[in-house]
């Protein structure tokens, strides 16, 4: 394994295997793959697609639909706007500037 993946154990259990029904090649180039301290893929958000406010129990929660740069497939996820805004403020400023130029 490359040095950046030295913490990944090279042995796995057969119980972790699952049948694959994909036609795409499963190989993924290691260039550009980033792994965090918990050995999870780091996928950076690219843009905010949509905003929505949902009612959960008795609270209104602002959500944003985010497009991530996943290497596996195009990925869209709903994230809490408050926590997402703290981490990725630049996506909100880009969205605000593009919405003001359209008006």
N, C-alpha and C. Protein backbone atom coordinates (compact mmCIF):
# COMPACT_ATOMS: atom_id res chain seq x y z
N UNK A 1 0.84 -1.20 0.00
CA UNK A 1 0.00 0.00 0.00
C UNK A 1 0.87 1.25 0.00
N UNK A 2 0.39 2.33 -0.60
CA UNK A 2 1.13 3.59 -0.54
C UNK A 2 1.25 4.08 0.91
N UNK A 3 2.22 4.93 1.16
CA UNK A 3 2.49 5.42 2.51
C UNK A 3 1.27 6.09 3.14
N UNK A 4 0.50 6.87 2.37
CA UNK A 4 -0.66 7.56 2.94
C UNK A 4 -1.76 6.60 3.37
N UNK A 5 -1.72 5.36 2.89
CA UNK A 5 -2.70 4.35 3.30
C UNK A 5 -2.09 3.32 4.25
N UNK A 6 -0.99 3.67 4.90
CA UNK A 6 -0.29 2.71 5.76
C UNK A 6 -1.12 2.30 6.97
N UNK A 7 -2.07 3.14 7.40
CA UNK A 7 -2.89 2.81 8.56
C UNK A 7 -4.06 1.90 8.20
N UNK A 8 -4.30 1.69 6.92
CA UNK A 8 -5.39 0.80 6.50
C UNK A 8 -4.89 -0.64 6.58
N UNK A 9 -5.62 -1.47 7.28
CA UNK A 9 -5.22 -2.87 7.44
C UNK A 9 -5.41 -3.60 6.12
N UNK A 10 -4.43 -4.38 5.72
CA UNK A 10 -4.46 -5.02 4.41
C UNK A 10 -5.24 -6.34 4.41
N UNK A 11 -5.77 -6.77 5.54
CA UNK A 11 -6.57 -7.99 5.62
C UNK A 11 -8.01 -7.62 5.93
N UNK A 12 -8.95 -8.30 5.30
CA UNK A 12 -10.36 -8.05 5.59
C UNK A 12 -11.07 -9.39 5.75
N UNK A 13 -12.24 -9.35 6.34
CA UNK A 13 -13.01 -10.57 6.58
C UNK A 13 -13.96 -10.83 5.42
N UNK A 14 -14.18 -12.09 5.11
CA UNK A 14 -15.06 -12.49 4.02
C UNK A 14 -16.48 -11.98 4.28
N UNK A 15 -16.86 -11.84 5.54
CA UNK A 15 -18.21 -11.36 5.87
C UNK A 15 -18.44 -9.93 5.39
N UNK A 16 -17.37 -9.19 5.10
CA UNK A 16 -17.50 -7.82 4.59
C UNK A 16 -17.77 -7.77 3.09
N UNK A 17 -17.64 -8.89 2.40
CA UNK A 17 -17.86 -8.91 0.96
C UNK A 17 -19.35 -8.89 0.64
N UNK A 18 -19.69 -8.16 -0.40
CA UNK A 18 -21.08 -8.10 -0.86
C UNK A 18 -21.08 -8.28 -2.37
N UNK A 19 -22.15 -8.83 -2.88
CA UNK A 19 -22.27 -9.05 -4.31
C UNK A 19 -22.39 -7.69 -5.02
N UNK A 20 -21.67 -7.55 -6.10
CA UNK A 20 -21.67 -6.28 -6.84
C UNK A 20 -22.45 -6.47 -8.15
N UNK A 21 -23.37 -5.54 -8.42
CA UNK A 21 -24.17 -5.59 -9.64
C UNK A 21 -23.84 -4.41 -10.55
N UNK A 22 -22.62 -3.99 -10.58
CA UNK A 22 -22.24 -2.81 -11.34
C UNK A 22 -21.59 -3.22 -12.66
N UNK A 23 -21.85 -2.42 -13.70
CA UNK A 23 -21.20 -2.64 -14.98
C UNK A 23 -19.92 -1.83 -15.10
N UNK A 24 -19.79 -0.82 -14.24
CA UNK A 24 -18.61 0.04 -14.30
C UNK A 24 -17.40 -0.68 -13.72
N UNK A 25 -16.21 -0.32 -14.19
CA UNK A 25 -15.02 -0.88 -13.55
C UNK A 25 -14.93 -0.36 -12.11
N UNK A 26 -14.57 -1.24 -11.20
CA UNK A 26 -14.56 -0.87 -9.79
C UNK A 26 -13.24 -0.25 -9.36
N UNK A 27 -12.24 -0.31 -10.19
CA UNK A 27 -10.97 0.29 -9.83
C UNK A 27 -11.07 1.79 -9.70
N UNK A 28 -10.38 2.33 -8.72
CA UNK A 28 -10.41 3.77 -8.49
C UNK A 28 -8.97 4.23 -8.34
N UNK A 29 -8.53 5.21 -9.13
CA UNK A 29 -7.14 5.66 -9.00
C UNK A 29 -6.92 6.30 -7.63
N UNK A 30 -5.75 6.06 -7.05
CA UNK A 30 -5.46 6.58 -5.72
C UNK A 30 -5.04 8.05 -5.75
N UNK A 31 -4.69 8.57 -6.92
CA UNK A 31 -4.33 9.98 -7.00
C UNK A 31 -5.55 10.82 -6.69
N UNK A 32 -5.39 11.77 -5.82
CA UNK A 32 -6.49 12.66 -5.49
C UNK A 32 -7.44 12.13 -4.45
N UNK A 33 -7.20 10.93 -3.92
CA UNK A 33 -8.06 10.39 -2.87
C UNK A 33 -7.53 10.87 -1.53
N UNK A 34 -8.41 11.47 -0.74
CA UNK A 34 -8.02 11.97 0.57
C UNK A 34 -8.77 11.18 1.63
N UNK A 35 -8.04 10.76 2.68
CA UNK A 35 -8.63 9.98 3.76
C UNK A 35 -8.38 10.72 5.06
N UNK A 36 -9.42 10.82 5.91
CA UNK A 36 -9.27 11.54 7.18
C UNK A 36 -8.75 10.61 8.27
N UNK A 37 -8.71 11.12 9.52
CA UNK A 37 -8.16 10.35 10.64
C UNK A 37 -8.97 9.11 10.97
N UNK A 38 -10.25 9.09 10.62
CA UNK A 38 -11.09 7.93 10.89
C UNK A 38 -11.13 6.98 9.69
N UNK A 39 -10.22 7.19 8.74
CA UNK A 39 -10.09 6.36 7.54
C UNK A 39 -11.34 6.38 6.66
N UNK A 40 -11.98 7.52 6.58
CA UNK A 40 -13.14 7.73 5.71
C UNK A 40 -12.70 8.59 4.53
N UNK A 41 -13.32 8.38 3.37
CA UNK A 41 -13.03 9.23 2.22
C UNK A 41 -13.47 10.65 2.53
N UNK A 42 -12.65 11.61 2.13
CA UNK A 42 -13.00 13.02 2.29
C UNK A 42 -13.51 13.50 0.94
N UNK A 43 -14.79 13.85 0.89
CA UNK A 43 -15.39 14.34 -0.35
C UNK A 43 -15.82 15.78 -0.11
N UNK A 44 -15.18 16.69 -0.79
CA UNK A 44 -15.46 18.11 -0.61
C UNK A 44 -16.72 18.51 -1.35
N UNK A 45 -17.54 19.36 -0.74
CA UNK A 45 -18.73 19.86 -1.44
C UNK A 45 -18.34 20.84 -2.54
N UNK A 46 -19.07 20.80 -3.64
CA UNK A 46 -18.78 21.66 -4.78
C UNK A 46 -19.71 22.86 -4.82
N UNK A 47 -21.01 22.61 -4.65
CA UNK A 47 -21.97 23.70 -4.71
C UNK A 47 -23.24 23.34 -3.96
N UNK A 48 -24.00 24.37 -3.61
CA UNK A 48 -25.30 24.19 -2.98
C UNK A 48 -26.34 24.20 -4.10
N UNK A 49 -27.12 23.13 -4.17
CA UNK A 49 -28.11 22.96 -5.22
C UNK A 49 -29.44 23.57 -4.84
N UNK A 50 -29.86 23.35 -3.59
CA UNK A 50 -31.20 23.72 -3.19
C UNK A 50 -31.23 24.00 -1.69
N UNK A 51 -32.17 24.81 -1.25
CA UNK A 51 -32.37 25.08 0.17
C UNK A 51 -33.81 24.75 0.52
N UNK A 52 -34.01 24.27 1.76
CA UNK A 52 -35.34 23.87 2.19
C UNK A 52 -35.40 23.99 3.71
N UNK A 53 -36.59 24.24 4.24
CA UNK A 53 -36.79 24.27 5.69
C UNK A 53 -37.79 23.18 6.03
N UNK A 54 -37.37 22.25 6.91
CA UNK A 54 -38.20 21.11 7.29
C UNK A 54 -38.61 21.24 8.75
N UNK A 55 -39.78 20.72 9.07
CA UNK A 55 -40.26 20.69 10.44
C UNK A 55 -39.94 19.33 11.04
N UNK A 56 -39.05 19.30 12.04
CA UNK A 56 -38.72 18.09 12.77
C UNK A 56 -39.19 18.27 14.20
N UNK A 57 -40.13 17.42 14.60
CA UNK A 57 -40.77 17.53 15.91
C UNK A 57 -41.36 18.92 16.05
N UNK A 58 -40.78 19.80 16.84
CA UNK A 58 -41.34 21.15 17.00
C UNK A 58 -40.39 22.23 16.53
N UNK A 59 -39.37 21.86 15.79
CA UNK A 59 -38.37 22.83 15.34
C UNK A 59 -38.32 22.90 13.83
N UNK A 60 -38.12 24.09 13.32
CA UNK A 60 -37.89 24.29 11.89
C UNK A 60 -36.39 24.22 11.66
N UNK A 61 -35.96 23.32 10.79
CA UNK A 61 -34.54 23.09 10.53
C UNK A 61 -34.22 23.50 9.09
N UNK A 62 -33.32 24.49 8.90
CA UNK A 62 -32.91 24.83 7.54
C UNK A 62 -31.92 23.79 7.00
N UNK A 63 -32.18 23.30 5.80
CA UNK A 63 -31.34 22.30 5.16
C UNK A 63 -30.85 22.81 3.81
N UNK A 64 -29.70 22.31 3.38
CA UNK A 64 -29.18 22.61 2.05
C UNK A 64 -28.86 21.30 1.34
N UNK A 65 -29.20 21.24 0.06
CA UNK A 65 -28.85 20.08 -0.77
C UNK A 65 -27.52 20.40 -1.43
N UNK A 66 -26.53 19.54 -1.19
CA UNK A 66 -25.16 19.83 -1.59
C UNK A 66 -24.68 18.81 -2.62
N UNK A 67 -24.00 19.29 -3.63
CA UNK A 67 -23.36 18.43 -4.63
C UNK A 67 -21.91 18.24 -4.20
N UNK A 68 -21.50 16.97 -4.00
CA UNK A 68 -20.13 16.66 -3.59
C UNK A 68 -19.34 16.11 -4.77
N UNK A 69 -18.03 16.25 -4.70
CA UNK A 69 -17.16 15.77 -5.79
C UNK A 69 -16.77 14.32 -5.56
N UNK A 70 -17.75 13.46 -5.46
CA UNK A 70 -17.49 12.05 -5.22
C UNK A 70 -16.88 11.43 -6.47
N UNK A 71 -15.87 10.61 -6.27
CA UNK A 71 -15.24 9.92 -7.40
C UNK A 71 -16.03 8.68 -7.79
N UNK A 72 -16.89 8.22 -6.89
CA UNK A 72 -17.65 6.99 -7.15
C UNK A 72 -18.86 7.26 -8.02
N UNK A 73 -19.57 8.34 -7.76
CA UNK A 73 -20.77 8.68 -8.52
C UNK A 73 -21.16 10.10 -8.18
N UNK A 74 -22.01 10.73 -8.99
CA UNK A 74 -22.49 12.05 -8.61
C UNK A 74 -23.28 11.91 -7.31
N UNK A 75 -22.94 12.71 -6.34
CA UNK A 75 -23.55 12.53 -5.03
C UNK A 75 -24.17 13.83 -4.55
N UNK A 76 -25.41 13.73 -4.09
CA UNK A 76 -26.12 14.86 -3.52
C UNK A 76 -26.58 14.45 -2.13
N UNK A 77 -26.36 15.31 -1.14
CA UNK A 77 -26.80 15.01 0.22
C UNK A 77 -27.47 16.24 0.82
N UNK A 78 -28.37 15.99 1.76
CA UNK A 78 -29.00 17.06 2.52
C UNK A 78 -28.21 17.23 3.82
N UNK A 79 -27.81 18.46 4.10
CA UNK A 79 -27.03 18.76 5.30
C UNK A 79 -27.72 19.88 6.07
N UNK A 80 -27.49 19.92 7.38
CA UNK A 80 -28.00 21.02 8.18
C UNK A 80 -27.28 22.30 7.81
N UNK A 81 -28.04 23.35 7.52
CA UNK A 81 -27.44 24.59 7.04
C UNK A 81 -26.52 25.23 8.07
N UNK A 82 -26.88 25.18 9.35
CA UNK A 82 -26.08 25.84 10.38
C UNK A 82 -24.68 25.25 10.48
N UNK A 83 -24.58 23.93 10.62
CA UNK A 83 -23.26 23.30 10.74
C UNK A 83 -22.49 23.37 9.43
N UNK A 84 -23.19 23.27 8.33
CA UNK A 84 -22.54 23.31 7.02
C UNK A 84 -22.00 24.70 6.73
N UNK A 85 -22.73 25.73 7.16
CA UNK A 85 -22.32 27.11 6.95
C UNK A 85 -21.00 27.40 7.66
N UNK A 86 -20.80 26.82 8.84
CA UNK A 86 -19.56 27.05 9.59
C UNK A 86 -18.36 26.45 8.88
N UNK A 87 -18.53 25.27 8.28
CA UNK A 87 -17.41 24.59 7.63
C UNK A 87 -17.12 25.12 6.23
N UNK A 88 -18.16 25.46 5.48
CA UNK A 88 -18.01 25.79 4.07
C UNK A 88 -18.67 27.13 3.75
N UNK A 89 -18.24 28.17 4.41
CA UNK A 89 -18.82 29.50 4.24
C UNK A 89 -18.69 29.98 2.80
N UNK A 90 -17.60 29.61 2.11
CA UNK A 90 -17.38 30.07 0.74
C UNK A 90 -18.50 29.62 -0.21
N UNK A 91 -19.14 28.48 0.05
CA UNK A 91 -20.24 28.04 -0.81
C UNK A 91 -21.45 28.95 -0.66
N UNK A 92 -21.66 29.47 0.54
CA UNK A 92 -22.79 30.37 0.76
C UNK A 92 -22.51 31.74 0.16
N UNK A 93 -21.27 32.22 0.23
CA UNK A 93 -20.95 33.52 -0.36
C UNK A 93 -21.00 33.44 -1.87
N UNK A 94 -20.57 32.31 -2.46
CA UNK A 94 -20.66 32.14 -3.92
C UNK A 94 -22.12 32.14 -4.36
N UNK A 95 -22.97 31.47 -3.59
CA UNK A 95 -24.39 31.39 -3.94
C UNK A 95 -25.04 32.76 -3.83
N UNK A 96 -24.68 33.52 -2.80
CA UNK A 96 -25.26 34.85 -2.61
C UNK A 96 -24.84 35.78 -3.74
N UNK A 97 -23.57 35.73 -4.15
CA UNK A 97 -23.10 36.62 -5.21
C UNK A 97 -23.74 36.26 -6.55
N UNK A 98 -23.95 34.95 -6.81
CA UNK A 98 -24.57 34.56 -8.07
C UNK A 98 -26.05 34.91 -8.08
N UNK A 99 -26.71 34.85 -6.92
CA UNK A 99 -28.14 35.19 -6.89
C UNK A 99 -28.34 36.70 -7.01
N UNK A 100 -27.39 37.51 -6.54
CA UNK A 100 -27.53 38.96 -6.68
C UNK A 100 -27.23 39.40 -8.10
N UNK A 101 -26.38 38.67 -8.82
CA UNK A 101 -26.09 39.06 -10.20
C UNK A 101 -27.25 38.72 -11.13
N UNK A 102 -28.07 37.72 -10.76
CA UNK A 102 -29.21 37.36 -11.60
C UNK A 102 -30.34 38.37 -11.48
N UNK A 103 -30.46 39.07 -10.35
CA UNK A 103 -31.59 39.99 -10.15
C UNK A 103 -31.47 41.24 -10.98
